[in-house]
Amino acid sequence: MTTTIIDVTDETFASEVLDATGVVLVDFWAPWCRPCTQVEPVLTELAAELEGKVRVVKVNTDDNPATTQRLGITSVPTLVIVSGGEVVTQLIGARPKAAIREALTSHVAA
């Protein structure tokens, strides 16, 4: 089974993230951002490990300025955890897998 991280746009952010049931981990990234490329494989692993509990999506900040601005994203990578349509946690900068998992833990049902 392959876990897919989907790309979300300004047009699809509300339906894919805010209206989603459960926890969504949103990766705000940019193609020119080297730390963003370092976080990507970690997110792929977490998406597979937490499949069915956490949905992982990506937002290219260069291509989706409205969502980026609305959420106050000023640095990439920024990981935003959304639960019940509300931002519950924001992690700015590249983080190790354990730190991202820990941030998700309190929002994910066992």
C-alpha atoms as a PDB file:
ATOM      1  CA  MET A   1       0.000   0.000   0.000  1.00  0.00           C
ATOM      2  CA  THR A   2       1.394   3.381  -0.982  1.00  0.00           C
ATOM      3  CA  THR A   3       0.605   6.403   1.112  1.00  0.00           C
ATOM      4  CA  THR A   4       0.104   9.533  -0.904  1.00  0.00           C
ATOM      5  CA  ILE A   5       0.801  13.044   0.264  1.00  0.00           C
ATOM      6  CA  ILE A   6      -1.464  15.274  -1.757  1.00  0.00           C
ATOM      7  CA  ASP A   7      -0.775  18.763  -2.994  1.00  0.00           C
ATOM      8  CA  VAL A   8      -3.352  21.264  -1.767  1.00  0.00           C
ATOM      9  CA  THR A   9      -3.991  24.615  -3.415  1.00  0.00           C
ATOM     10  CA  ASP A  10      -5.687  27.874  -2.442  1.00  0.00           C
ATOM     11  CA  GLU A  11      -8.809  26.489  -4.125  1.00  0.00           C
ATOM     12  CA  THR A  12      -8.789  23.101  -2.362  1.00  0.00           C
ATOM     13  CA  PHE A  13      -7.421  24.035   1.090  1.00  0.00           C
ATOM     14  CA  ALA A  14     -10.827  24.456   2.757  1.00  0.00           C
ATOM     15  CA  SER A  15     -12.247  21.166   1.472  1.00  0.00           C
ATOM     16  CA  GLU A  16      -9.066  19.104   1.895  1.00  0.00           C
ATOM     17  CA  VAL A  17      -7.904  20.500   5.245  1.00  0.00           C
ATOM     18  CA  LEU A  18     -10.445  22.626   7.115  1.00  0.00           C
ATOM     19  CA  ASP A  19     -13.447  20.414   6.297  1.00  0.00           C
ATOM     20  CA  ALA A  20     -11.542  17.132   6.780  1.00  0.00           C
ATOM     21  CA  THR A  21     -12.404  14.842   9.633  1.00  0.00           C
ATOM     22  CA  GLY A  22      -9.532  13.925  11.889  1.00  0.00           C
ATOM     23  CA  VAL A  23      -6.050  15.383  12.043  1.00  0.00           C
ATOM     24  CA  VAL A  24      -4.311  16.936   9.037  1.00  0.00           C
ATOM     25  CA  LEU A  25      -0.597  17.734   8.932  1.00  0.00           C
ATOM     26  CA  VAL A  26       0.021  20.531   6.428  1.00  0.00           C
ATOM     27  CA  ASP A  27       3.530  21.052   5.068  1.00  0.00           C
ATOM     28  CA  PHE A  28       4.011  24.619   3.843  1.00  0.00           C
ATOM     29  CA  TRP A  29       7.054  24.451   1.568  1.00  0.00           C
ATOM     30  CA  ALA A  30       8.744  26.060  -1.434  1.00  0.00           C
ATOM     31  CA  PRO A  31      10.732  24.477  -4.279  1.00  0.00           C
ATOM     32  CA  TRP A  32      13.810  26.607  -3.531  1.00  0.00           C
ATOM     33  CA  CYS A  33      13.865  25.652   0.168  1.00  0.00           C
ATOM     34  CA  ARG A  34      16.620  23.156   0.988  1.00  0.00           C
ATOM     35  CA  PRO A  35      15.310  22.324   4.518  1.00  0.00           C
ATOM     36  CA  CYS A  36      11.935  21.591   2.910  1.00  0.00           C
ATOM     37  CA  THR A  37      13.519  18.808   0.852  1.00  0.00           C
ATOM     38  CA  GLN A  38      15.040  17.367   4.035  1.00  0.00           C
ATOM     39  CA  VAL A  39      11.634  17.222   5.751  1.00  0.00           C
ATOM     40  CA  GLU A  40       9.862  15.573   2.812  1.00  0.00           C
ATOM     41  CA  PRO A  41      11.079  11.976   3.380  1.00  0.00           C
ATOM     42  CA  VAL A  42      10.261  12.273   7.088  1.00  0.00           C
ATOM     43  CA  LEU A  43       6.708  13.316   6.236  1.00  0.00           C
ATOM     44  CA  THR A  44       6.390  10.412   3.802  1.00  0.00           C
ATOM     45  CA  GLU A  45       7.413   7.999   6.578  1.00  0.00           C
ATOM     46  CA  LEU A  46       5.001   9.572   9.069  1.00  0.00           C
ATOM     47  CA  ALA A  47       2.169   9.494   6.532  1.00  0.00           C
ATOM     48  CA  ALA A  48       2.700   5.753   6.109  1.00  0.00           C
ATOM     49  CA  GLU A  49       3.081   5.068   9.841  1.00  0.00           C
ATOM     50  CA  LEU A  50       0.047   7.127  10.826  1.00  0.00           C
ATOM     51  CA  GLU A  51      -2.155   6.182   7.884  1.00  0.00           C
ATOM     52  CA  GLY A  52      -5.791   6.276   8.909  1.00  0.00           C
ATOM     53  CA  LYS A  53      -4.987   8.572  11.845  1.00  0.00           C
ATOM     54  CA  VAL A  54      -3.285  11.563  10.200  1.00  0.00           C
ATOM     55  CA  ARG A  55      -3.640  12.935   6.697  1.00  0.00           C
ATOM     56  CA  VAL A  56      -0.529  14.654   5.310  1.00  0.00           C
ATOM     57  CA  VAL A  57      -0.824  17.371   2.662  1.00  0.00           C
ATOM     58  CA  LYS A  58       1.552  19.893   1.088  1.00  0.00           C
ATOM     59  CA  VAL A  59       1.042  23.532   0.164  1.00  0.00           C
ATOM     60  CA  ASN A  60       3.548  25.165  -2.193  1.00  0.00           C
ATOM     61  CA  THR A  61       3.783  28.684  -0.748  1.00  0.00           C
ATOM     62  CA  ASP A  62       4.968  30.184  -4.038  1.00  0.00           C
ATOM     63  CA  ASP A  63       1.932  28.898  -5.931  1.00  0.00           C
ATOM     64  CA  ASN A  64      -0.648  29.422  -3.175  1.00  0.00           C
ATOM     65  CA  PRO A  65      -0.113  32.860  -1.630  1.00  0.00           C
ATOM     66  CA  ALA A  66      -3.696  33.323  -0.381  1.00  0.00           C
ATOM     67  CA  THR A  67      -3.625  30.309   1.960  1.00  0.00           C
ATOM     68  CA  THR A  68      -0.058  31.072   2.994  1.00  0.00           C
ATOM     69  CA  GLN A  69      -0.975  34.644   3.908  1.00  0.00           C
ATOM     70  CA  ARG A  70      -4.286  33.729   5.572  1.00  0.00           C
ATOM     71  CA  LEU A  71      -2.484  31.346   7.943  1.00  0.00           C
ATOM     72  CA  GLY A  72       0.348  33.814   8.592  1.00  0.00           C
ATOM     73  CA  ILE A  73       3.083  31.580   7.194  1.00  0.00           C
ATOM     74  CA  THR A  74       6.261  33.665   6.950  1.00  0.00           C
ATOM     75  CA  SER A  75       8.922  30.952   6.941  1.00  0.00           C
ATOM     76  CA  VAL A  76       9.330  27.590   5.231  1.00  0.00           C
ATOM     77  CA  PRO A  77       9.159  24.836   6.057  1.00  0.00           C
ATOM     78  CA  THR A  78       6.278  25.346   8.432  1.00  0.00           C
ATOM     79  CA  LEU A  79       4.229  22.365   9.555  1.00  0.00           C
ATOM     80  CA  VAL A  80       0.696  23.107  10.692  1.00  0.00           C
ATOM     81  CA  ILE A  81      -1.452  20.584  12.530  1.00  0.00           C
ATOM     82  CA  VAL A  82      -5.175  21.065  11.924  1.00  0.00           C
ATOM     83  CA  SER A  83      -7.855  19.245  13.905  1.00  0.00           C
ATOM     84  CA  GLY A  84     -11.559  19.884  13.529  1.00  0.00           C
ATOM     85  CA  GLY A  85     -10.884  22.690  11.073  1.00  0.00           C
ATOM     86  CA  GLU A  86      -8.736  24.606  13.573  1.00  0.00           C
ATOM     87  CA  VAL A  87      -4.976  25.127  13.641  1.00  0.00           C
ATOM     88  CA  VAL A  88      -3.838  23.466  16.867  1.00  0.00           C
ATOM     89  CA  THR A  89      -0.052  23.478  16.463  1.00  0.00           C
ATOM     90  CA  GLN A  90       2.527  25.137  14.242  1.00  0.00           C
ATOM     91  CA  LEU A  91       6.143  23.968  13.874  1.00  0.00           C
ATOM     92  CA  ILE A  92       8.456  26.410  12.122  1.00  0.00           C
ATOM     93  CA  GLY A  93      11.629  25.100  10.524  1.00  0.00           C
ATOM     94  CA  ALA A  94      12.885  21.607   9.755  1.00  0.00           C
ATOM     95  CA  ARG A  95      12.270  19.224  12.648  1.00  0.00           C
ATOM     96  CA  PRO A  96      13.357  15.659  13.279  1.00  0.00           C
ATOM     97  CA  LYS A  97      10.797  12.897  12.889  1.00  0.00           C
ATOM     98  CA  ALA A  98      10.483  12.384  16.662  1.00  0.00           C
ATOM     99  CA  ALA A  99       9.589  16.041  17.227  1.00  0.00           C
ATOM    100  CA  ILE A 100       6.912  16.004  14.521  1.00  0.00           C
ATOM    101  CA  ARG A 101       5.489  12.726  15.835  1.00  0.00           C
ATOM    102  CA  GLU A 102       5.398  14.132  19.376  1.00  0.00           C
ATOM    103  CA  ALA A 103       3.541  17.241  18.196  1.00  0.00           C
ATOM    104  CA  LEU A 104       0.966  15.012  16.486  1.00  0.00           C
ATOM    105  CA  THR A 105       0.532  12.612  19.407  1.00  0.00           C
ATOM    106  CA  SER A 106      -1.705  14.760  21.580  1.00  0.00           C
ATOM    107  CA  HIS A 107      -4.116  15.306  18.685  1.00  0.00           C
ATOM    108  CA  VAL A 108      -4.354  11.730  17.400  1.00  0.00           C
ATOM    109  CA  ALA A 109      -6.655   9.143  18.945  1.00  0.00           C
ATOM    110  CA  ALA A 110      -4.777   6.043  20.097  1.00  0.00           C
END
